[in-house]
Amino acid sequence: MTTTNRRPQVCVLGSAEPGSRAYELAGEAGELLAGLGITVVSGCGSPATRVAAERAVAAGGLVVSIVPEGEMPDSSWPATVVIPSGVGDARNLLMALAGDACIVIGGRAGTISEVCLAWLHKRPLLPLVGCGGWSDGLLDNPPDERKNSPILPWSSAAELQAQLQTLALVR
């Protein structure tokens, strides 16, 4: 019998402003991932990725934060493990590679670069739909024609959990 100690890891990418539906769902996603025993990987730099990390930590989950700076953030940073990369925007590659899948919420230019890198490295993408932002159009407009990985949209925590089960990330 083979056992593994590595927990599934899911990156939370994107941006959404406090008070928006996308922001609320980002928090629900972080809490859900923690409850399922999935490690959250988050840069914690945007309000959406930060609330996902905060809610995951509050739920007793493990959060790994990969930050672009070369120094540790202060002790209030919402993560259980912090990795200062010291490589600026090049840390987007680390974010893309660190997850077994990537949740995409809204998003701006940095999110697009992370999504494209995740796609190139065959990481499944889980875009939030119905809340606006770049993630809304990902299913109909993937990074390119290669079909490198599944794109599994969600619009509620229950749908996100079902998509994680589809990917066999829920134990």
N, C-alpha and C. Protein backbone atom coordinates (compact mmCIF):
# COMPACT_ATOMS: atom_id res chain seq x y z
N MET A 1 0.83 -1.17 0.00
CA MET A 1 0.00 0.00 0.00
C MET A 1 0.89 1.25 0.00
N THR A 2 0.64 2.14 -0.93
CA THR A 2 1.40 3.38 -1.04
C THR A 2 0.62 4.50 -0.38
N THR A 3 1.30 5.28 0.43
CA THR A 3 0.68 6.46 1.02
C THR A 3 1.48 7.68 0.63
N THR A 4 0.85 8.81 0.67
CA THR A 4 1.53 10.05 0.35
C THR A 4 1.25 11.07 1.45
N ASN A 5 2.22 11.88 1.71
CA ASN A 5 2.07 12.94 2.69
C ASN A 5 1.74 14.27 2.04
N ARG A 6 1.95 14.36 0.73
CA ARG A 6 1.72 15.65 0.07
C ARG A 6 0.23 15.90 -0.09
N ARG A 7 -0.19 17.03 0.43
CA ARG A 7 -1.57 17.45 0.26
C ARG A 7 -1.74 18.07 -1.13
N PRO A 8 -2.93 17.98 -1.70
CA PRO A 8 -3.17 18.72 -2.94
C PRO A 8 -2.95 20.22 -2.71
N GLN A 9 -2.52 20.92 -3.73
CA GLN A 9 -2.27 22.36 -3.66
C GLN A 9 -3.04 23.03 -4.78
N VAL A 10 -3.70 24.13 -4.45
CA VAL A 10 -4.43 24.91 -5.44
C VAL A 10 -4.03 26.37 -5.31
N CYS A 11 -3.63 26.96 -6.43
CA CYS A 11 -3.28 28.38 -6.46
C CYS A 11 -4.55 29.22 -6.61
N VAL A 12 -4.58 30.34 -5.92
CA VAL A 12 -5.65 31.30 -6.09
C VAL A 12 -5.04 32.52 -6.78
N LEU A 13 -5.48 32.78 -8.00
CA LEU A 13 -4.96 33.86 -8.82
C LEU A 13 -6.07 34.87 -9.07
N GLY A 14 -5.73 36.14 -9.22
CA GLY A 14 -6.73 37.10 -9.65
C GLY A 14 -6.86 38.31 -8.76
N SER A 15 -7.93 39.04 -9.02
CA SER A 15 -8.20 40.27 -8.28
C SER A 15 -9.70 40.54 -8.30
N ALA A 16 -10.17 41.10 -7.22
CA ALA A 16 -11.56 41.57 -7.10
C ALA A 16 -11.60 42.50 -5.91
N GLU A 17 -12.43 43.47 -5.97
CA GLU A 17 -12.48 44.48 -4.91
C GLU A 17 -13.42 44.08 -3.78
N PRO A 18 -13.10 44.49 -2.55
CA PRO A 18 -13.98 44.22 -1.42
C PRO A 18 -15.40 44.70 -1.71
N GLY A 19 -16.36 43.93 -1.26
CA GLY A 19 -17.76 44.26 -1.48
C GLY A 19 -18.35 43.65 -2.74
N SER A 20 -17.50 43.17 -3.64
CA SER A 20 -18.00 42.56 -4.88
C SER A 20 -18.34 41.10 -4.64
N ARG A 21 -19.17 40.54 -5.48
CA ARG A 21 -19.51 39.12 -5.39
C ARG A 21 -18.26 38.26 -5.58
N ALA A 22 -17.38 38.65 -6.50
CA ALA A 22 -16.14 37.90 -6.73
C ALA A 22 -15.27 37.87 -5.47
N TYR A 23 -15.20 38.98 -4.76
CA TYR A 23 -14.43 39.05 -3.52
C TYR A 23 -15.01 38.08 -2.48
N GLU A 24 -16.32 38.09 -2.34
CA GLU A 24 -16.97 37.19 -1.38
C GLU A 24 -16.72 35.73 -1.75
N LEU A 25 -16.80 35.41 -3.04
CA LEU A 25 -16.56 34.04 -3.48
C LEU A 25 -15.09 33.64 -3.32
N ALA A 26 -14.18 34.59 -3.43
CA ALA A 26 -12.77 34.30 -3.18
C ALA A 26 -12.59 33.85 -1.73
N GLY A 27 -13.23 34.55 -0.80
CA GLY A 27 -13.17 34.15 0.60
C GLY A 27 -13.77 32.79 0.83
N GLU A 28 -14.92 32.53 0.20
CA GLU A 28 -15.55 31.21 0.33
C GLU A 28 -14.66 30.11 -0.24
N ALA A 29 -13.97 30.42 -1.35
CA ALA A 29 -13.07 29.44 -1.96
C ALA A 29 -11.93 29.10 -1.01
N GLY A 30 -11.33 30.09 -0.38
CA GLY A 30 -10.25 29.84 0.57
C GLY A 30 -10.71 28.97 1.73
N GLU A 31 -11.87 29.29 2.27
CA GLU A 31 -12.41 28.50 3.38
C GLU A 31 -12.72 27.07 2.94
N LEU A 32 -13.29 26.92 1.74
CA LEU A 32 -13.60 25.59 1.20
C LEU A 32 -12.33 24.77 1.04
N LEU A 33 -11.32 25.35 0.42
CA LEU A 33 -10.06 24.62 0.20
C LEU A 33 -9.48 24.14 1.53
N ALA A 34 -9.47 25.01 2.52
CA ALA A 34 -8.94 24.62 3.83
C ALA A 34 -9.76 23.48 4.42
N GLY A 35 -11.07 23.57 4.31
CA GLY A 35 -11.93 22.53 4.85
C GLY A 35 -11.75 21.19 4.17
N LEU A 36 -11.32 21.22 2.91
CA LEU A 36 -11.10 19.98 2.15
C LEU A 36 -9.68 19.45 2.33
N GLY A 37 -8.86 20.14 3.12
CA GLY A 37 -7.48 19.69 3.33
C GLY A 37 -6.56 20.02 2.17
N ILE A 38 -6.95 20.99 1.36
CA ILE A 38 -6.13 21.41 0.20
C ILE A 38 -5.30 22.62 0.62
N THR A 39 -4.00 22.58 0.33
CA THR A 39 -3.13 23.71 0.61
C THR A 39 -3.44 24.83 -0.38
N VAL A 40 -3.62 26.03 0.15
CA VAL A 40 -3.86 27.21 -0.67
C VAL A 40 -2.52 27.86 -0.98
N VAL A 41 -2.28 28.17 -2.24
CA VAL A 41 -1.10 28.93 -2.65
C VAL A 41 -1.61 30.27 -3.14
N SER A 42 -1.13 31.35 -2.51
CA SER A 42 -1.64 32.68 -2.81
C SER A 42 -0.53 33.70 -2.66
N GLY A 43 -0.49 34.65 -3.56
CA GLY A 43 0.44 35.75 -3.40
C GLY A 43 -0.03 36.72 -2.34
N CYS A 44 -1.33 36.70 -2.05
CA CYS A 44 -1.95 37.56 -1.03
C CYS A 44 -1.82 39.04 -1.38
N GLY A 45 -1.54 39.36 -2.64
CA GLY A 45 -1.30 40.75 -3.02
C GLY A 45 -2.53 41.53 -3.39
N SER A 46 -3.54 40.88 -3.94
CA SER A 46 -4.77 41.58 -4.28
C SER A 46 -5.80 41.33 -3.18
N PRO A 47 -6.82 42.17 -3.10
CA PRO A 47 -7.85 41.91 -2.09
C PRO A 47 -8.46 40.51 -2.19
N ALA A 48 -8.68 40.01 -3.40
CA ALA A 48 -9.31 38.69 -3.57
C ALA A 48 -8.39 37.56 -3.10
N THR A 49 -7.12 37.62 -3.49
CA THR A 49 -6.22 36.54 -3.08
C THR A 49 -5.91 36.62 -1.59
N ARG A 50 -5.91 37.83 -1.07
CA ARG A 50 -5.68 38.01 0.38
C ARG A 50 -6.84 37.46 1.19
N VAL A 51 -8.09 37.76 0.78
CA VAL A 51 -9.23 37.25 1.55
C VAL A 51 -9.32 35.74 1.46
N ALA A 52 -8.95 35.16 0.33
CA ALA A 52 -8.93 33.70 0.22
C ALA A 52 -7.94 33.12 1.23
N ALA A 53 -6.78 33.73 1.34
CA ALA A 53 -5.77 33.27 2.29
C ALA A 53 -6.24 33.48 3.73
N GLU A 54 -6.79 34.64 4.02
CA GLU A 54 -7.26 34.92 5.38
C GLU A 54 -8.32 33.92 5.83
N ARG A 55 -9.26 33.65 4.94
CA ARG A 55 -10.34 32.72 5.30
C ARG A 55 -9.82 31.29 5.41
N ALA A 56 -8.83 30.92 4.60
CA ALA A 56 -8.25 29.59 4.70
C ALA A 56 -7.50 29.43 6.03
N VAL A 57 -6.72 30.42 6.40
CA VAL A 57 -5.99 30.37 7.68
C VAL A 57 -6.99 30.31 8.84
N ALA A 58 -8.03 31.14 8.78
CA ALA A 58 -9.04 31.16 9.85
C ALA A 58 -9.74 29.81 9.99
N ALA A 59 -9.84 29.07 8.88
CA ALA A 59 -10.48 27.75 8.90
C ALA A 59 -9.50 26.64 9.27
N GLY A 60 -8.28 27.02 9.63
CA GLY A 60 -7.29 26.02 10.04
C GLY A 60 -6.50 25.42 8.91
N GLY A 61 -6.56 26.03 7.74
CA GLY A 61 -5.86 25.49 6.58
C GLY A 61 -4.43 25.95 6.48
N LEU A 62 -3.71 25.34 5.56
CA LEU A 62 -2.33 25.70 5.27
C LEU A 62 -2.32 26.63 4.06
N VAL A 63 -1.64 27.77 4.20
CA VAL A 63 -1.54 28.74 3.11
C VAL A 63 -0.07 29.03 2.86
N VAL A 64 0.36 28.83 1.63
CA VAL A 64 1.71 29.17 1.19
C VAL A 64 1.60 30.44 0.36
N SER A 65 2.35 31.46 0.74
CA SER A 65 2.34 32.73 0.02
C SER A 65 3.68 32.94 -0.65
N ILE A 66 3.66 33.05 -1.97
CA ILE A 66 4.87 33.33 -2.74
C ILE A 66 4.83 34.81 -3.10
N VAL A 67 5.72 35.59 -2.51
CA VAL A 67 5.69 37.04 -2.72
C VAL A 67 6.83 37.47 -3.64
N PRO A 68 6.60 38.53 -4.44
CA PRO A 68 7.62 38.94 -5.40
C PRO A 68 8.85 39.57 -4.76
N GLU A 69 8.69 40.15 -3.58
CA GLU A 69 9.81 40.82 -2.92
C GLU A 69 10.83 39.80 -2.42
N GLY A 70 11.98 40.31 -2.03
CA GLY A 70 13.03 39.45 -1.49
C GLY A 70 13.07 39.43 0.01
N GLU A 71 12.08 40.06 0.65
CA GLU A 71 12.07 40.13 2.11
C GLU A 71 10.75 39.59 2.65
N MET A 72 10.80 39.15 3.90
CA MET A 72 9.61 38.62 4.55
C MET A 72 8.62 39.76 4.82
N PRO A 73 7.33 39.52 4.60
CA PRO A 73 6.33 40.50 5.01
C PRO A 73 6.17 40.49 6.53
N ASP A 74 5.41 41.45 7.07
CA ASP A 74 5.25 41.50 8.52
C ASP A 74 4.43 40.31 9.02
N SER A 75 4.40 40.16 10.33
CA SER A 75 3.80 38.98 10.94
C SER A 75 2.29 38.89 10.76
N SER A 76 1.64 39.96 10.30
CA SER A 76 0.19 39.90 10.07
C SER A 76 -0.16 39.33 8.69
N TRP A 77 0.86 39.00 7.90
CA TRP A 77 0.62 38.47 6.55
C TRP A 77 -0.21 37.19 6.66
N PRO A 78 -1.27 37.02 5.86
CA PRO A 78 -2.18 35.89 6.03
C PRO A 78 -1.68 34.60 5.39
N ALA A 79 -0.64 34.03 5.98
CA ALA A 79 -0.10 32.79 5.44
C ALA A 79 0.58 32.01 6.56
N THR A 80 0.66 30.71 6.39
CA THR A 80 1.38 29.87 7.34
C THR A 80 2.82 29.64 6.89
N VAL A 81 3.06 29.75 5.59
CA VAL A 81 4.40 29.64 5.02
C VAL A 81 4.55 30.78 4.01
N VAL A 82 5.65 31.52 4.09
CA VAL A 82 5.91 32.61 3.15
C VAL A 82 7.21 32.32 2.42
N ILE A 83 7.18 32.50 1.10
CA ILE A 83 8.37 32.32 0.29
C ILE A 83 8.64 33.63 -0.45
N PRO A 84 9.59 34.43 0.04
CA PRO A 84 9.96 35.64 -0.68
C PRO A 84 10.83 35.24 -1.88
N SER A 85 10.35 35.52 -3.08
CA SER A 85 11.06 35.05 -4.27
C SER A 85 12.19 35.98 -4.70
N GLY A 86 12.04 37.27 -4.44
CA GLY A 86 13.07 38.21 -4.85
C GLY A 86 13.22 38.37 -6.35
N VAL A 87 12.20 37.93 -7.11
CA VAL A 87 12.32 37.99 -8.57
C VAL A 87 11.22 38.83 -9.22
N GLY A 88 10.54 39.65 -8.44
CA GLY A 88 9.52 40.53 -9.01
C GLY A 88 8.43 39.75 -9.71
N ASP A 89 8.04 40.25 -10.89
CA ASP A 89 6.95 39.62 -11.64
C ASP A 89 7.29 38.22 -12.15
N ALA A 90 8.55 37.86 -12.17
CA ALA A 90 8.91 36.50 -12.59
C ALA A 90 8.37 35.46 -11.61
N ARG A 91 7.94 35.89 -10.43
CA ARG A 91 7.36 34.96 -9.47
C ARG A 91 6.03 34.42 -9.98
N ASN A 92 5.46 35.03 -11.01
CA ASN A 92 4.22 34.51 -11.60
C ASN A 92 4.41 33.08 -12.10
N LEU A 93 5.59 32.74 -12.56
CA LEU A 93 5.87 31.36 -12.97
C LEU A 93 5.80 30.43 -11.77
N LEU A 94 6.36 30.83 -10.64
CA LEU A 94 6.28 30.01 -9.43
C LEU A 94 4.82 29.79 -9.02
N MET A 95 4.02 30.85 -9.10
CA MET A 95 2.59 30.72 -8.78
C MET A 95 1.93 29.73 -9.72
N ALA A 96 2.21 29.82 -10.99
CA ALA A 96 1.59 28.92 -11.98
C ALA A 96 1.98 27.47 -11.75
N LEU A 97 3.21 27.24 -11.33
CA LEU A 97 3.70 25.88 -11.15
C LEU A 97 3.36 25.28 -9.79
N ALA A 98 3.05 26.10 -8.80
CA ALA A 98 2.91 25.62 -7.42
C ALA A 98 1.61 24.88 -7.14
N GLY A 99 0.66 24.94 -8.04
CA GLY A 99 -0.61 24.28 -7.78
C GLY A 99 -0.87 23.08 -8.66
N ASP A 100 -1.65 22.16 -8.13
CA ASP A 100 -2.17 21.07 -8.95
C ASP A 100 -3.25 21.60 -9.88
N ALA A 101 -3.79 22.76 -9.54
CA ALA A 101 -4.78 23.47 -10.34
C ALA A 101 -4.73 24.93 -9.92
N CYS A 102 -5.32 25.80 -10.74
CA CYS A 102 -5.33 27.24 -10.44
C CYS A 102 -6.75 27.78 -10.50
N ILE A 103 -7.20 28.35 -9.40
CA ILE A 103 -8.46 29.09 -9.38
C ILE A 103 -8.18 30.47 -9.93
N VAL A 104 -9.04 30.96 -10.82
CA VAL A 104 -8.86 32.28 -11.42
C VAL A 104 -10.08 33.12 -11.07
N ILE A 105 -9.84 34.27 -10.43
CA ILE A 105 -10.92 35.15 -10.00
C ILE A 105 -10.69 36.52 -10.62
N GLY A 106 -11.65 36.97 -11.45
CA GLY A 106 -11.52 38.29 -12.07
C GLY A 106 -10.22 38.39 -12.82
N GLY A 107 -9.40 39.33 -12.41
CA GLY A 107 -8.04 39.38 -12.92
C GLY A 107 -7.70 40.59 -13.74
N ARG A 108 -6.41 40.89 -13.72
CA ARG A 108 -5.82 41.96 -14.51
C ARG A 108 -4.61 41.37 -15.24
N ALA A 109 -3.67 42.21 -15.63
CA ALA A 109 -2.53 41.76 -16.44
C ALA A 109 -1.70 40.69 -15.75
N GLY A 110 -1.42 40.84 -14.46
CA GLY A 110 -0.64 39.82 -13.75
C GLY A 110 -1.33 38.47 -13.74
N THR A 111 -2.66 38.51 -13.59
CA THR A 111 -3.44 37.26 -13.61
C THR A 111 -3.33 36.60 -14.98
N ILE A 112 -3.43 37.40 -16.02
CA ILE A 112 -3.34 36.85 -17.38
C ILE A 112 -1.99 36.14 -17.56
N SER A 113 -0.92 36.76 -17.09
CA SER A 113 0.39 36.12 -17.27
C SER A 113 0.45 34.82 -16.48
N GLU A 114 -0.09 34.79 -15.25
CA GLU A 114 -0.10 33.56 -14.46
C GLU A 114 -0.93 32.47 -15.14
N VAL A 115 -2.07 32.86 -15.69
CA VAL A 115 -2.94 31.90 -16.37
C VAL A 115 -2.24 31.32 -17.60
N CYS A 116 -1.61 32.16 -18.37
CA CYS A 116 -0.91 31.67 -19.56
C CYS A 116 0.23 30.73 -19.19
N LEU A 117 0.95 31.06 -18.14
CA LEU A 117 2.03 30.17 -17.68
C LEU A 117 1.47 28.85 -17.16
N ALA A 118 0.37 28.92 -16.41
CA ALA A 118 -0.27 27.68 -15.92
C ALA A 118 -0.71 26.82 -17.10
N TRP A 119 -1.29 27.45 -18.11
CA TRP A 119 -1.75 26.76 -19.31
C TRP A 119 -0.58 26.07 -20.02
N LEU A 120 0.52 26.80 -20.19
CA LEU A 120 1.70 26.22 -20.85
C LEU A 120 2.24 25.01 -20.11
N HIS A 121 2.06 25.01 -18.78
CA HIS A 121 2.56 23.90 -17.95
C HIS A 121 1.45 22.93 -17.56
N LYS A 122 0.36 22.99 -18.30
CA LYS A 122 -0.72 21.99 -18.21
C LYS A 122 -1.40 21.90 -16.86
N ARG A 123 -1.57 23.05 -16.20
CA ARG A 123 -2.30 23.08 -14.94
C ARG A 123 -3.77 23.36 -15.24
N PRO A 124 -4.68 22.57 -14.68
CA PRO A 124 -6.11 22.84 -14.86
C PRO A 124 -6.47 24.23 -14.34
N LEU A 125 -7.39 24.87 -15.03
CA LEU A 125 -7.83 26.22 -14.67
C LEU A 125 -9.28 26.17 -14.21
N LEU A 126 -9.56 26.86 -13.10
CA LEU A 126 -10.89 26.90 -12.51
C LEU A 126 -11.34 28.36 -12.45
N PRO A 127 -11.86 28.90 -13.56
CA PRO A 127 -12.24 30.31 -13.56
C PRO A 127 -13.60 30.56 -12.90
N LEU A 128 -13.66 31.61 -12.10
CA LEU A 128 -14.93 32.09 -11.56
C LEU A 128 -15.67 32.79 -12.69
N VAL A 129 -16.92 32.42 -12.90
CA VAL A 129 -17.73 33.03 -13.96
C VAL A 129 -18.97 33.69 -13.35
N GLY A 130 -19.48 34.66 -14.10
CA GLY A 130 -20.70 35.33 -13.67
C GLY A 130 -20.48 36.52 -12.77
N CYS A 131 -19.23 36.89 -12.54
CA CYS A 131 -18.91 38.01 -11.64
C CYS A 131 -18.10 39.10 -12.33
N GLY A 132 -17.90 38.99 -13.62
CA GLY A 132 -17.11 39.98 -14.34
C GLY A 132 -15.62 39.67 -14.26
N GLY A 133 -14.86 40.48 -14.92
CA GLY A 133 -13.42 40.30 -14.92
C GLY A 133 -12.95 39.33 -15.98
N TRP A 134 -11.66 39.19 -16.05
CA TRP A 134 -11.02 38.40 -17.09
C TRP A 134 -11.40 36.93 -17.02
N SER A 135 -11.63 36.41 -15.80
CA SER A 135 -11.94 34.98 -15.66
C SER A 135 -13.27 34.60 -16.33
N ASP A 136 -14.17 35.57 -16.46
CA ASP A 136 -15.48 35.30 -17.07
C ASP A 136 -15.38 34.73 -18.48
N GLY A 137 -14.39 35.17 -19.25
CA GLY A 137 -14.30 34.75 -20.64
C GLY A 137 -13.31 33.64 -20.92
N LEU A 138 -12.70 33.08 -19.88
CA LEU A 138 -11.63 32.11 -20.09
C LEU A 138 -12.09 30.84 -20.79
N LEU A 139 -13.29 30.35 -20.46
CA LEU A 139 -13.77 29.12 -21.09
C LEU A 139 -13.92 29.29 -22.60
N ASP A 140 -14.46 30.42 -23.03
CA ASP A 140 -14.67 30.67 -24.46
C ASP A 140 -13.44 31.24 -25.16
N ASN A 141 -12.48 31.70 -24.38
CA ASN A 141 -11.29 32.31 -24.95
C ASN A 141 -10.05 31.83 -24.18
N PRO A 142 -9.68 30.54 -24.37
CA PRO A 142 -8.49 30.02 -23.67
C PRO A 142 -7.22 30.69 -24.20
N PRO A 143 -6.11 30.52 -23.48
CA PRO A 143 -4.87 31.17 -23.90
C PRO A 143 -4.45 30.86 -25.34
N ASP A 144 -4.69 29.66 -25.81
CA ASP A 144 -4.43 29.34 -27.21
C ASP A 144 -5.22 28.08 -27.58
N GLU A 145 -4.95 27.55 -28.76
CA GLU A 145 -5.73 26.44 -29.31
C GLU A 145 -5.29 25.06 -28.83
N ARG A 146 -4.25 24.95 -28.03
CA ARG A 146 -3.65 23.65 -27.72
C ARG A 146 -4.46 22.75 -26.79
N LYS A 147 -5.43 23.27 -26.09
CA LYS A 147 -6.22 22.46 -25.14
C LYS A 147 -5.29 21.74 -24.15
N ASN A 148 -4.34 22.50 -23.59
CA ASN A 148 -3.33 21.93 -22.68
C ASN A 148 -3.90 21.34 -21.42
N SER A 149 -4.99 21.90 -20.94
CA SER A 149 -5.54 21.44 -19.67
C SER A 149 -7.03 21.78 -19.63
N PRO A 150 -7.75 21.14 -18.72
CA PRO A 150 -9.17 21.45 -18.63
C PRO A 150 -9.40 22.86 -18.08
N ILE A 151 -10.47 23.47 -18.55
CA ILE A 151 -10.96 24.73 -18.00
C ILE A 151 -12.32 24.43 -17.42
N LEU A 152 -12.43 24.48 -16.09
CA LEU A 152 -13.63 24.06 -15.38
C LEU A 152 -14.22 25.25 -14.62
N PRO A 153 -15.21 25.92 -15.20
CA PRO A 153 -15.77 27.11 -14.56
C PRO A 153 -16.60 26.78 -13.32
N TRP A 154 -16.76 27.79 -12.47
CA TRP A 154 -17.57 27.67 -11.26
C TRP A 154 -18.17 29.04 -10.94
N SER A 155 -19.30 29.03 -10.25
CA SER A 155 -19.93 30.29 -9.84
C SER A 155 -20.43 30.24 -8.40
N SER A 156 -20.13 29.15 -7.69
CA SER A 156 -20.49 29.02 -6.28
C SER A 156 -19.49 28.07 -5.63
N ALA A 157 -19.44 28.10 -4.31
CA ALA A 157 -18.53 27.20 -3.60
C ALA A 157 -18.88 25.74 -3.88
N ALA A 158 -20.17 25.43 -3.99
CA ALA A 158 -20.58 24.05 -4.28
C ALA A 158 -20.09 23.62 -5.66
N GLU A 159 -20.17 24.51 -6.64
CA GLU A 159 -19.67 24.19 -7.99
C GLU A 159 -18.15 24.03 -7.97
N LEU A 160 -17.47 24.88 -7.20
CA LEU A 160 -16.01 24.75 -7.10
C LEU A 160 -15.64 23.40 -6.50
N GLN A 161 -16.34 22.99 -5.46
CA GLN A 161 -16.06 21.68 -4.85
C GLN A 161 -16.28 20.56 -5.86
N ALA A 162 -17.34 20.64 -6.65
CA ALA A 162 -17.60 19.61 -7.67
C ALA A 162 -16.46 19.58 -8.70
N GLN A 163 -15.96 20.74 -9.10
CA GLN A 163 -14.86 20.78 -10.07
C GLN A 163 -13.58 20.21 -9.47
N LEU A 164 -13.33 20.49 -8.20
CA LEU A 164 -12.16 19.91 -7.52
C LEU A 164 -12.28 18.39 -7.44
N GLN A 165 -13.50 17.90 -7.25
CA GLN A 165 -13.73 16.45 -7.25
C GLN A 165 -13.48 15.87 -8.63
N THR A 166 -13.90 16.58 -9.68
CA THR A 166 -13.64 16.15 -11.05
C THR A 166 -12.15 15.96 -11.28
N LEU A 167 -11.35 16.82 -10.69
CA LEU A 167 -9.88 16.76 -10.85
C LEU A 167 -9.24 15.79 -9.85
N ALA A 168 -10.03 15.13 -9.03
CA ALA A 168 -9.55 14.19 -8.02
C ALA A 168 -8.64 14.86 -7.00
N LEU A 169 -8.93 16.12 -6.67
CA LEU A 169 -8.14 16.85 -5.68
C LEU A 169 -8.77 16.78 -4.30
N VAL A 170 -9.98 16.26 -4.22
CA VAL A 170 -10.66 16.11 -2.94
C VAL A 170 -10.48 14.67 -2.51
N ARG A 171 -9.96 14.49 -1.30
CA ARG A 171 -9.72 13.14 -0.80
C ARG A 171 -11.00 12.50 -0.34
